[in-house]
PDB file of N, CA and C in Angstrom:
ATOM      1  N   MET A   1      82.807  84.273  84.543  1.00  0.00           N
ATOM      2  CA  MET A   1      82.739  85.687  84.226  1.00  0.00           C
ATOM      3  C   MET A   1      83.338  86.500  85.384  1.00  0.00           C
ATOM      4  N   GLU A   2      84.157  87.452  85.035  1.00  0.00           N
ATOM      5  CA  GLU A   2      84.760  88.314  86.039  1.00  0.00           C
ATOM      6  C   GLU A   2      83.870  89.539  86.254  1.00  0.00           C
ATOM      7  N   ILE A   3      83.735  89.952  87.494  1.00  0.00           N
ATOM      8  CA  ILE A   3      82.906  91.101  87.840  1.00  0.00           C
ATOM      9  C   ILE A   3      83.811  92.239  88.262  1.00  0.00           C
ATOM     10  N   LYS A   4      83.573  93.418  87.699  1.00  0.00           N
ATOM     11  CA  LYS A   4      84.365  94.594  88.072  1.00  0.00           C
ATOM     12  C   LYS A   4      83.832  95.138  89.391  1.00  0.00           C
ATOM     13  N   ILE A   5      84.756  95.312  90.345  1.00  0.00           N
ATOM     14  CA  ILE A   5      84.384  95.774  91.674  1.00  0.00           C
ATOM     15  C   ILE A   5      84.885  97.196  91.890  1.00  0.00           C
ATOM     16  N   THR A   6      84.034  98.005  92.487  1.00  0.00           N
ATOM     17  CA  THR A   6      84.384  99.387  92.833  1.00  0.00           C
ATOM     18  C   THR A   6      84.141  99.578  94.332  1.00  0.00           C
ATOM     19  N   ASP A   7      84.483 100.756  94.830  1.00  0.00           N
ATOM     20  CA  ASP A   7      84.181 101.059  96.233  1.00  0.00           C
ATOM     21  C   ASP A   7      82.680 100.979  96.489  1.00  0.00           C
ATOM     22  N   VAL A   8      81.880 101.281  95.468  1.00  0.00           N
ATOM     23  CA  VAL A   8      80.419 101.332  95.614  1.00  0.00           C
ATOM     24  C   VAL A   8      79.794  99.943  95.713  1.00  0.00           C
ATOM     25  N   ASN A   9      80.234  98.985  94.868  1.00  0.00           N
ATOM     26  CA  ASN A   9      79.558  97.687  94.848  1.00  0.00           C
ATOM     27  C   ASN A   9      80.308  96.582  95.601  1.00  0.00           C
ATOM     28  N   PHE A  10      81.409  96.899  96.254  1.00  0.00           N
ATOM     29  CA  PHE A  10      82.206  95.879  96.946  1.00  0.00           C
ATOM     30  C   PHE A  10      81.380  95.110  97.976  1.00  0.00           C
ATOM     31  N   LYS A  11      80.663  95.827  98.828  1.00  0.00           N
ATOM     32  CA  LYS A  11      79.891  95.165  99.891  1.00  0.00           C
ATOM     33  C   LYS A  11      78.884  94.182  99.302  1.00  0.00           C
ATOM     34  N   GLN A  12      78.122  94.626  98.305  1.00  0.00           N
ATOM     35  CA  GLN A  12      77.085  93.777  97.713  1.00  0.00           C
ATOM     36  C   GLN A  12      77.691  92.581  96.991  1.00  0.00           C
ATOM     37  N   GLU A  13      78.696  92.809  96.160  1.00  0.00           N
ATOM     38  CA  GLU A  13      79.239  91.740  95.319  1.00  0.00           C
ATOM     39  C   GLU A  13      80.159  90.779  96.066  1.00  0.00           C
ATOM     40  N   VAL A  14      80.871  91.274  97.075  1.00  0.00           N
ATOM     41  CA  VAL A  14      81.862  90.441  97.762  1.00  0.00           C
ATOM     42  C   VAL A  14      81.392  90.025  99.146  1.00  0.00           C
ATOM     43  N   LEU A  15      81.139  90.981 100.009  1.00  0.00           N
ATOM     44  CA  LEU A  15      80.832  90.669 101.402  1.00  0.00           C
ATOM     45  C   LEU A  15      79.482  89.979 101.575  1.00  0.00           C
ATOM     46  N   GLU A  16      78.526  90.276 100.706  1.00  0.00           N
ATOM     47  CA  GLU A  16      77.190  89.683 100.828  1.00  0.00           C
ATOM     48  C   GLU A  16      76.979  88.520  99.861  1.00  0.00           C
ATOM     49  N   SER A  17      78.012  88.081  99.186  1.00  0.00           N
ATOM     50  CA  SER A  17      77.890  86.991  98.214  1.00  0.00           C
ATOM     51  C   SER A  17      77.602  85.661  98.902  1.00  0.00           C
ATOM     52  N   GLU A  18      76.722  84.876  98.293  1.00  0.00           N
ATOM     53  CA  GLU A  18      76.444  83.537  98.803  1.00  0.00           C
ATOM     54  C   GLU A  18      77.551  82.567  98.414  1.00  0.00           C
ATOM     55  N   LEU A  19      78.257  82.890  97.335  1.00  0.00           N
ATOM     56  CA  LEU A  19      79.370  82.064  96.883  1.00  0.00           C
ATOM     57  C   LEU A  19      80.677  82.597  97.459  1.00  0.00           C
ATOM     58  N   PRO A  20      81.702  81.743  97.573  1.00  0.00           N
ATOM     59  CA  PRO A  20      83.030  82.262  97.900  1.00  0.00           C
ATOM     60  C   PRO A  20      83.462  83.225  96.791  1.00  0.00           C
ATOM     61  N   VAL A  21      84.304  84.186  97.123  1.00  0.00           N
ATOM     62  CA  VAL A  21      84.716  85.208  96.154  1.00  0.00           C
ATOM     63  C   VAL A  21      86.236  85.305  96.102  1.00  0.00           C
ATOM     64  N   LEU A  22      86.771  85.285  94.884  1.00  0.00           N
ATOM     65  CA  LEU A  22      88.192  85.559  94.658  1.00  0.00           C
ATOM     66  C   LEU A  22      88.274  86.976  94.120  1.00  0.00           C
ATOM     67  N   VAL A  23      88.977  87.858  94.844  1.00  0.00           N
ATOM     68  CA  VAL A  23      89.126  89.243  94.411  1.00  0.00           C
ATOM     69  C   VAL A  23      90.573  89.465  93.971  1.00  0.00           C
ATOM     70  N   ASP A  24      90.721  89.932  92.744  1.00  0.00           N
ATOM     71  CA  ASP A  24      92.028  90.265  92.186  1.00  0.00           C
ATOM     72  C   ASP A  24      92.197  91.777  92.275  1.00  0.00           C
ATOM     73  N   PHE A  25      93.071  92.236  93.184  1.00  0.00           N
ATOM     74  CA  PHE A  25      93.401  93.658  93.273  1.00  0.00           C
ATOM     75  C   PHE A  25      94.545  93.910  92.302  1.00  0.00           C
ATOM     76  N   TYR A  26      94.338  94.802  91.341  1.00  0.00           N
ATOM     77  CA  TYR A  26      95.310  95.010  90.270  1.00  0.00           C
ATOM     78  C   TYR A  26      95.337  96.479  89.858  1.00  0.00           C
ATOM     79  N   ALA A  27      96.225  96.789  88.903  1.00  0.00           N
ATOM     80  CA  ALA A  27      96.252  98.100  88.264  1.00  0.00           C
ATOM     81  C   ALA A  27      96.620  97.890  86.799  1.00  0.00           C
ATOM     82  N   GLU A  28      96.099  98.758  85.947  1.00  0.00           N
ATOM     83  CA  GLU A  28      96.359  98.651  84.509  1.00  0.00           C
ATOM     84  C   GLU A  28      97.849  98.733  84.190  1.00  0.00           C
ATOM     85  N   TRP A  29      98.600  99.522  84.944  1.00  0.00           N
ATOM     86  CA  TRP A  29     100.012  99.773  84.679  1.00  0.00           C
ATOM     87  C   TRP A  29     100.942  98.711  85.262  1.00  0.00           C
ATOM     88  N   CYS A  30     100.393  97.723  85.935  1.00  0.00           N
ATOM     89  CA  CYS A  30     101.179  96.704  86.637  1.00  0.00           C
ATOM     90  C   CYS A  30     101.482  95.513  85.725  1.00  0.00           C
ATOM     91  N   GLY A  31     102.756  95.316  85.407  1.00  0.00           N
ATOM     92  CA  GLY A  31     103.169  94.208  84.540  1.00  0.00           C
ATOM     93  C   GLY A  31     102.779  92.838  85.064  1.00  0.00           C
ATOM     94  N   PRO A  32     103.128  92.494  86.312  1.00  0.00           N
ATOM     95  CA  PRO A  32     102.729  91.185  86.845  1.00  0.00           C
ATOM     96  C   PRO A  32     101.208  90.998  86.863  1.00  0.00           C
ATOM     97  N   CYS A  33     100.460  92.090  87.057  1.00  0.00           N
ATOM     98  CA  CYS A  33      98.989  92.007  87.031  1.00  0.00           C
ATOM     99  C   CYS A  33      98.515  91.584  85.641  1.00  0.00           C
ATOM    100  N   GLN A  34      99.130  92.164  84.617  1.00  0.00           N
ATOM    101  CA  GLN A  34      98.757  91.833  83.236  1.00  0.00           C
ATOM    102  C   GLN A  34      99.100  90.379  82.925  1.00  0.00           C
ATOM    103  N   MET A  35     100.237  89.910  83.460  1.00  0.00           N
ATOM    104  CA  MET A  35     100.636  88.514  83.256  1.00  0.00           C
ATOM    105  C   MET A  35      99.662  87.563  83.950  1.00  0.00           C
ATOM    106  N   LEU A  36      99.108  87.974  85.072  1.00  0.00           N
ATOM    107  CA  LEU A  36      98.194  87.128  85.845  1.00  0.00           C
ATOM    108  C   LEU A  36      96.774  87.120  85.270  1.00  0.00           C
ATOM    109  N   ALA A  37      96.420  88.147  84.506  1.00  0.00           N
ATOM    110  CA  ALA A  37      95.043  88.303  84.007  1.00  0.00           C
ATOM    111  C   ALA A  37      94.500  87.065  83.284  1.00  0.00           C
ATOM    112  N   PRO A  38      95.247  86.441  82.356  1.00  0.00           N
ATOM    113  CA  PRO A  38      94.696  85.245  81.690  1.00  0.00           C
ATOM    114  C   PRO A  38      94.448  84.089  82.659  1.00  0.00           C
ATOM    115  N   THR A  39      95.269  83.983  83.698  1.00  0.00           N
ATOM    116  CA  THR A  39      95.079  82.939  84.705  1.00  0.00           C
ATOM    117  C   THR A  39      93.792  83.180  85.484  1.00  0.00           C
ATOM    118  N   ILE A  40      93.550  84.427  85.853  1.00  0.00           N
ATOM    119  CA  ILE A  40      92.324  84.781  86.586  1.00  0.00           C
ATOM    120  C   ILE A  40      91.107  84.480  85.703  1.00  0.00           C
ATOM    121  N   GLU A  41      91.206  84.817  84.422  1.00  0.00           N
ATOM    122  CA  GLU A  41      90.116  84.550  83.476  1.00  0.00           C
ATOM    123  C   GLU A  41      89.847  83.046  83.386  1.00  0.00           C
ATOM    124  N   SER A  42      90.899  82.252  83.342  1.00  0.00           N
ATOM    125  CA  SER A  42      90.765  80.797  83.272  1.00  0.00           C
ATOM    126  C   SER A  42      90.097  80.241  84.529  1.00  0.00           C
ATOM    127  N   ILE A  43      90.495  80.741  85.692  1.00  0.00           N
ATOM    128  CA  ILE A  43      89.877  80.320  86.959  1.00  0.00           C
ATOM    129  C   ILE A  43      88.392  80.670  86.950  1.00  0.00           C
ATOM    130  N   ALA A  44      88.064  81.869  86.469  1.00  0.00           N
ATOM    131  CA  ALA A  44      86.663  82.312  86.416  1.00  0.00           C
ATOM    132  C   ALA A  44      85.831  81.353  85.571  1.00  0.00           C
ATOM    133  N   LYS A  45      86.379  80.909  84.447  1.00  0.00           N
ATOM    134  CA  LYS A  45      85.648  79.975  83.569  1.00  0.00           C
ATOM    135  C   LYS A  45      85.536  78.593  84.200  1.00  0.00           C
ATOM    136  N   GLU A  46      86.636  78.109  84.739  1.00  0.00           N
ATOM    137  CA  GLU A  46      86.664  76.751  85.292  1.00  0.00           C
ATOM    138  C   GLU A  46      85.734  76.587  86.492  1.00  0.00           C
ATOM    139  N   TYR A  47      85.633  77.615  87.323  1.00  0.00           N
ATOM    140  CA  TYR A  47      84.847  77.518  88.551  1.00  0.00           C
ATOM    141  C   TYR A  47      83.551  78.324  88.490  1.00  0.00           C
ATOM    142  N   GLU A  48      83.098  78.627  87.286  1.00  0.00           N
ATOM    143  CA  GLU A  48      81.861  79.397  87.121  1.00  0.00           C
ATOM    144  C   GLU A  48      80.708  78.706  87.838  1.00  0.00           C
ATOM    145  N   GLY A  49      79.953  79.485  88.614  1.00  0.00           N
ATOM    146  CA  GLY A  49      78.831  78.940  89.373  1.00  0.00           C
ATOM    147  C   GLY A  49      79.231  78.381  90.731  1.00  0.00           C
ATOM    148  N   LYS A  50      80.548  78.221  90.950  1.00  0.00           N
ATOM    149  CA  LYS A  50      81.038  77.688  92.221  1.00  0.00           C
ATOM    150  C   LYS A  50      81.698  78.767  93.069  1.00  0.00           C
ATOM    151  N   ILE A  51      82.345  79.715  92.387  1.00  0.00           N
ATOM    152  CA  ILE A  51      82.904  80.874  93.064  1.00  0.00           C
ATOM    153  C   ILE A  51      82.626  82.098  92.204  1.00  0.00           C
ATOM    154  N   LYS A  52      82.754  83.241  92.810  1.00  0.00           N
ATOM    155  CA  LYS A  52      82.613  84.500  92.081  1.00  0.00           C
ATOM    156  C   LYS A  52      84.020  85.075  91.947  1.00  0.00           C
ATOM    157  N   VAL A  53      84.384  85.482  90.738  1.00  0.00           N
ATOM    158  CA  VAL A  53      85.698  86.068  90.508  1.00  0.00           C
ATOM    159  C   VAL A  53      85.513  87.552  90.204  1.00  0.00           C
ATOM    160  N   CYS A  54      86.189  88.375  90.998  1.00  0.00           N
ATOM    161  CA  CYS A  54      86.043  89.818  90.878  1.00  0.00           C
ATOM    162  C   CYS A  54      87.406  90.472  90.672  1.00  0.00           C
ATOM    163  N   LYS A  55      87.412  91.549  89.906  1.00  0.00           N
ATOM    164  CA  LYS A  55      88.628  92.326  89.675  1.00  0.00           C
ATOM    165  C   LYS A  55      88.413  93.732  90.220  1.00  0.00           C
ATOM    166  N   THR A  56      89.387  94.194  91.000  1.00  0.00           N
ATOM    167  CA  THR A  56      89.310  95.510  91.613  1.00  0.00           C
ATOM    168  C   THR A  56      90.532  96.315  91.219  1.00  0.00           C
ATOM    169  N   ASN A  57      90.320  97.353  90.409  1.00  0.00           N
ATOM    170  CA  ASN A  57      91.404  98.243  90.008  1.00  0.00           C
ATOM    171  C   ASN A  57      91.695  99.170  91.191  1.00  0.00           C
ATOM    172  N   ILE A  58      92.880  99.062  91.764  1.00  0.00           N
ATOM    173  CA  ILE A  58      93.182  99.836  92.977  1.00  0.00           C
ATOM    174  C   ILE A  58      93.189 101.343  92.733  1.00  0.00           C
ATOM    175  N   ASP A  59      93.406 101.748  91.491  1.00  0.00           N
ATOM    176  CA  ASP A  59      93.376 103.178  91.181  1.00  0.00           C
ATOM    177  C   ASP A  59      91.951 103.717  91.178  1.00  0.00           C
ATOM    178  N   GLU A  60      90.979 102.850  90.915  1.00  0.00           N
ATOM    179  CA  GLU A  60      89.574 103.254  90.871  1.00  0.00           C
ATOM    180  C   GLU A  60      88.837 102.926  92.167  1.00  0.00           C
ATOM    181  N   ALA A  61      89.397 102.027  92.965  1.00  0.00           N
ATOM    182  CA  ALA A  61      88.756 101.614  94.223  1.00  0.00           C
ATOM    183  C   ALA A  61      89.784 101.721  95.354  1.00  0.00           C
ATOM    184  N   SER A  62      90.355 102.889  95.485  1.00  0.00           N
ATOM    185  CA  SER A  62      91.437 103.085  96.455  1.00  0.00           C
ATOM    186  C   SER A  62      90.980 102.911  97.901  1.00  0.00           C
ATOM    187  N   ASP A  63      89.738 103.273  98.200  1.00  0.00           N
ATOM    188  CA  ASP A  63      89.234 103.106  99.571  1.00  0.00           C
ATOM    189  C   ASP A  63      89.181 101.625  99.948  1.00  0.00           C
ATOM    190  N   THR A  64      88.688 100.808  99.022  1.00  0.00           N
ATOM    191  CA  THR A  64      88.603  99.366  99.271  1.00  0.00           C
ATOM    192  C   THR A  64      89.993  98.766  99.396  1.00  0.00           C
ATOM    193  N   ALA A  65      90.907  99.155  98.508  1.00  0.00           N
ATOM    194  CA  ALA A  65      92.284  98.647  98.581  1.00  0.00           C
ATOM    195  C   ALA A  65      92.923  99.006  99.914  1.00  0.00           C
ATOM    196  N   ALA A  66      92.696 100.232 100.382  1.00  0.00           N
ATOM    197  CA  ALA A  66      93.261 100.667 101.657  1.00  0.00           C
ATOM    198  C   ALA A  66      92.638  99.895 102.822  1.00  0.00           C
ATOM    199  N   LYS A  67      91.330  99.694 102.772  1.00  0.00           N
ATOM    200  CA  LYS A  67      90.630  98.981 103.844  1.00  0.00           C
ATOM    201  C   LYS A  67      91.183  97.574 104.033  1.00  0.00           C
ATOM    202  N   TYR A  68      91.527  96.915 102.917  1.00  0.00           N
ATOM    203  CA  TYR A  68      92.037  95.544 102.985  1.00  0.00           C
ATOM    204  C   TYR A  68      93.562  95.493 102.934  1.00  0.00           C
ATOM    205  N   GLU A  69      94.194  96.643 103.196  1.00  0.00           N
ATOM    206  CA  GLU A  69      95.640  96.753 103.330  1.00  0.00           C
ATOM    207  C   GLU A  69      96.402  96.164 102.157  1.00  0.00           C
ATOM    208  N   VAL A  70      95.936  96.477 100.952  1.00  0.00           N
ATOM    209  CA  VAL A  70      96.616  96.035  99.740  1.00  0.00           C
ATOM    210  C   VAL A  70      97.790  96.980  99.502  1.00  0.00           C
ATOM    211  N   MET A  71      98.991  96.488  99.748  1.00  0.00           N
ATOM    212  CA  MET A  71     100.206  97.304  99.634  1.00  0.00           C
ATOM    213  C   MET A  71     100.977  96.992  98.360  1.00  0.00           C
ATOM    214  N   SER A  72     100.825  95.774  97.859  1.00  0.00           N
ATOM    215  CA  SER A  72     101.507  95.333  96.643  1.00  0.00           C
ATOM    216  C   SER A  72     100.475  94.703  95.727  1.00  0.00           C
ATOM    217  N   ILE A  73     100.738  94.793  94.431  1.00  0.00           N
ATOM    218  CA  ILE A  73      99.836  94.165  93.480  1.00  0.00           C
ATOM    219  C   ILE A  73     100.638  93.311  92.515  1.00  0.00           C
ATOM    220  N   PRO A  74     100.038  92.262  91.985  1.00  0.00           N
ATOM    221  CA  PRO A  74      98.680  91.812  92.260  1.00  0.00           C
ATOM    222  C   PRO A  74      98.547  91.179  93.648  1.00  0.00           C
ATOM    223  N   THR A  75      97.401  91.402  94.251  1.00  0.00           N
ATOM    224  CA  THR A  75      97.036  90.737  95.500  1.00  0.00           C
ATOM    225  C   THR A  75      95.716  90.021  95.255  1.00  0.00           C
ATOM    226  N   LEU A  76      95.688  88.747  95.586  1.00  0.00           N
ATOM    227  CA  LEU A  76      94.467  87.949  95.475  1.00  0.00           C
ATOM    228  C   LEU A  76      93.953  87.684  96.882  1.00  0.00           C
ATOM    229  N   VAL A  77      92.662  87.932  97.084  1.00  0.00           N
ATOM    230  CA  VAL A  77      92.049  87.708  98.397  1.00  0.00           C
ATOM    231  C   VAL A  77      90.814  86.832  98.201  1.00  0.00           C
ATOM    232  N   VAL A  78      90.705  85.793  99.009  1.00  0.00           N
ATOM    233  CA  VAL A  78      89.537  84.911  98.973  1.00  0.00           C
ATOM    234  C   VAL A  78      88.652  85.266 100.160  1.00  0.00           C
ATOM    235  N   PHE A  79      87.386  85.535  99.857  1.00  0.00           N
ATOM    236  CA  PHE A  79      86.387  85.822 100.878  1.00  0.00           C
ATOM    237  C   PHE A  79      85.383  84.676 100.904  1.00  0.00           C
ATOM    238  N   ASP A  80      84.958  84.283 102.086  1.00  0.00           N
ATOM    239  CA  ASP A  80      83.888  83.303 102.239  1.00  0.00           C
ATOM    240  C   ASP A  80      83.002  83.810 103.368  1.00  0.00           C
ATOM    241  N   ASN A  81      81.719  83.951 103.085  1.00  0.00           N
ATOM    242  CA  ASN A  81      80.766  84.497 104.053  1.00  0.00           C
ATOM    243  C   ASN A  81      81.214  85.862 104.567  1.00  0.00           C
ATOM    244  N   GLY A  82      81.785  86.682 103.669  1.00  0.00           N
ATOM    245  CA  GLY A  82      82.166  88.036 104.020  1.00  0.00           C
ATOM    246  C   GLY A  82      83.471  88.177 104.779  1.00  0.00           C
ATOM    247  N   LYS A  83      84.159  87.055 105.001  1.00  0.00           N
ATOM    248  CA  LYS A  83      85.411  87.093 105.753  1.00  0.00           C
ATOM    249  C   LYS A  83      86.580  86.661 104.875  1.00  0.00           C
ATOM    250  N   ILE A  84      87.759  87.256 105.127  1.00  0.00           N
ATOM    251  CA  ILE A  84      88.962  86.863 104.399  1.00  0.00           C
ATOM    252  C   ILE A  84      89.410  85.487 104.890  1.00  0.00           C
ATOM    253  N   VAL A  85      89.558  84.561 103.946  1.00  0.00           N
ATOM    254  CA  VAL A  85      89.994  83.203 104.299  1.00  0.00           C
ATOM    255  C   VAL A  85      91.295  82.832 103.590  1.00  0.00           C
ATOM    256  N   GLY A  86      91.756  83.692 102.687  1.00  0.00           N
ATOM    257  CA  GLY A  86      93.005  83.421 101.996  1.00  0.00           C
ATOM    258  C   GLY A  86      93.529  84.674 101.331  1.00  0.00           C
ATOM    259  N   LYS A  87      94.862  84.762 101.218  1.00  0.00           N
ATOM    260  CA  LYS A  87      95.455  85.940 100.588  1.00  0.00           C
ATOM    261  C   LYS A  87      96.778  85.540  99.950  1.00  0.00           C
ATOM    262  N   SER A  88      97.038  86.085  98.775  1.00  0.00           N
ATOM    263  CA  SER A  88      98.277  85.808  98.072  1.00  0.00           C
ATOM    264  C   SER A  88      98.751  87.095  97.411  1.00  0.00           C
ATOM    265  N   ILE A  89     100.052  87.367  97.508  1.00  0.00           N
ATOM    266  CA  ILE A  89     100.614  88.581  96.917  1.00  0.00           C
ATOM    267  C   ILE A  89     101.595  88.178  95.825  1.00  0.00           C
ATOM    268  N   GLY A  90     101.467  88.820  94.668  1.00  0.00           N
ATOM    269  CA  GLY A  90     102.350  88.535  93.544  1.00  0.00           C
ATOM    270  C   GLY A  90     101.704  87.600  92.547  1.00  0.00           C
ATOM    271  N   ALA A  91     102.374  87.439  91.412  1.00  0.00           N
ATOM    272  CA  ALA A  91     101.864  86.545  90.371  1.00  0.00           C
ATOM    273  C   ALA A  91     102.043  85.107  90.838  1.00  0.00           C
ATOM    274  N   VAL A  92     100.975  84.343  90.806  1.00  0.00           N
ATOM    275  CA  VAL A  92     101.001  82.944  91.234  1.00  0.00           C
ATOM    276  C   VAL A  92     100.415  82.070  90.133  1.00  0.00           C
ATOM    277  N   SER A  93     100.648  80.782  90.233  1.00  0.00           N
ATOM    278  CA  SER A  93     100.177  79.856  89.207  1.00  0.00           C
ATOM    279  C   SER A  93      98.689  79.553  89.376  1.00  0.00           C
ATOM    280  N   GLU A  94      98.113  79.024  88.314  1.00  0.00           N
ATOM    281  CA  GLU A  94      96.703  78.627  88.355  1.00  0.00           C
ATOM    282  C   GLU A  94      96.483  77.553  89.425  1.00  0.00           C
ATOM    283  N   THR A  95      97.438  76.646  89.567  1.00  0.00           N
ATOM    284  CA  THR A  95      97.341  75.591  90.579  1.00  0.00           C
ATOM    285  C   THR A  95      97.309  76.185  91.984  1.00  0.00           C
ATOM    286  N   GLU A  96      98.160  77.185  92.239  1.00  0.00           N
ATOM    287  CA  GLU A  96      98.182  77.817  93.559  1.00  0.00           C
ATOM    288  C   GLU A  96      96.854  78.514  93.858  1.00  0.00           C
ATOM    289  N   ILE A  97      96.287  79.166  92.844  1.00  0.00           N
ATOM    290  CA  ILE A  97      94.997  79.838  93.036  1.00  0.00           C
ATOM    291  C   ILE A  97      93.905  78.802  93.303  1.00  0.00           C
ATOM    292  N   ALA A  98      93.911  77.739  92.513  1.00  0.00           N
ATOM    293  CA  ALA A  98      92.912  76.674  92.699  1.00  0.00           C
ATOM    294  C   ALA A  98      93.008  76.096  94.107  1.00  0.00           C
ATOM    295  N   ASN A  99      94.221  75.882  94.591  1.00  0.00           N
ATOM    296  CA  ASN A  99      94.403  75.341  95.946  1.00  0.00           C
ATOM    297  C   ASN A  99      93.907  76.311  97.015  1.00  0.00           C
ATOM    298  N   MET A 100      93.968  77.611  96.718  1.00  0.00           N
ATOM    299  CA  MET A 100      93.463  78.623  97.656  1.00  0.00           C
ATOM    300  C   MET A 100      91.941  78.593  97.758  1.00  0.00           C
ATOM    301  N   ILE A 101      91.272  78.345  96.633  1.00  0.00           N
ATOM    302  CA  ILE A 101      89.811  78.455  96.618  1.00  0.00           C
ATOM    303  C   ILE A 101      89.091  77.137  96.843  1.00  0.00           C
ATOM    304  N   LYS A 102      89.699  76.018  96.515  1.00  0.00           N
ATOM    305  CA  LYS A 102      89.011  74.720  96.597  1.00  0.00           C
ATOM    306  C   LYS A 102      88.402  74.411  97.964  1.00  0.00           C
ATOM    307  N   PRO A 103      89.065  74.743  99.073  1.00  0.00           N
ATOM    308  CA  PRO A 103      88.457  74.421 100.380  1.00  0.00           C
ATOM    309  C   PRO A 103      87.121  75.111 100.632  1.00  0.00           C
ATOM    310  N   TYR A 104      86.832  76.169  99.877  1.00  0.00           N
ATOM    311  CA  TYR A 104      85.626  76.971 100.142  1.00  0.00           C
ATOM    312  C   TYR A 104      84.503  76.708  99.154  1.00  0.00           C
ATOM    313  N   ILE A 105      84.762  75.843  98.179  1.00  0.00           N
ATOM    314  CA  ILE A 105      83.725  75.506  97.202  1.00  0.00           C
ATOM    315  C   ILE A 105      82.788  74.496  97.839  1.00  0.00           C
ATOM    316  N   LYS A 106      81.512  74.822  97.831  1.00  0.00           N
ATOM    317  CA  LYS A 106      80.515  73.943  98.437  1.00  0.00           C
ATOM    318  C   LYS A 106      80.252  72.759  97.511  1.00  0.00           C
ATOM    319  N   GLU A 107      80.224  71.578  98.062  1.00  0.00           N
ATOM    320  CA  GLU A 107      79.950  70.382  97.263  1.00  0.00           C
ATOM    321  C   GLU A 107      78.513  70.408  96.740  1.00  0.00           C
ATOM    322  N   GLY A 108      78.345  69.813  95.574  1.00  0.00           N
ATOM    323  CA  GLY A 108      77.008  69.722  94.998  1.00  0.00           C
ATOM    324  C   GLY A 108      76.638  70.929  94.156  1.00  0.00           C
ATOM    325  N   LYS A 109      77.562  71.870  93.995  1.00  0.00           N
ATOM    326  CA  LYS A 109      77.268  73.049  93.182  1.00  0.00           C
ATOM    327  C   LYS A 109      77.994  72.960  91.875  1.00  0.00           C
TER     328      LYS A 109
END
């Protein structure tokens, strides 16, 4: 399940998460973002309970986008224990996303 992130809930949902978090910074008007959306949804289903997948609309959460220096979209950022551990800019494959998050998935979950 994907969680919608705003400037208000970013700290609670991402920085304080016990699970690693994949954050998709996107915009409704962004073509590559729309192309990436089904891939993000697939990752969310495949890794449910192992990572948290969040979507952040940069038009609605501009403070958060600015704080994390999101200059181009889509931008994917992996957080673990509140820290950035991976970042990817542009539309990427499901395999590339999986390779970004796998090192942070805790075994036994």
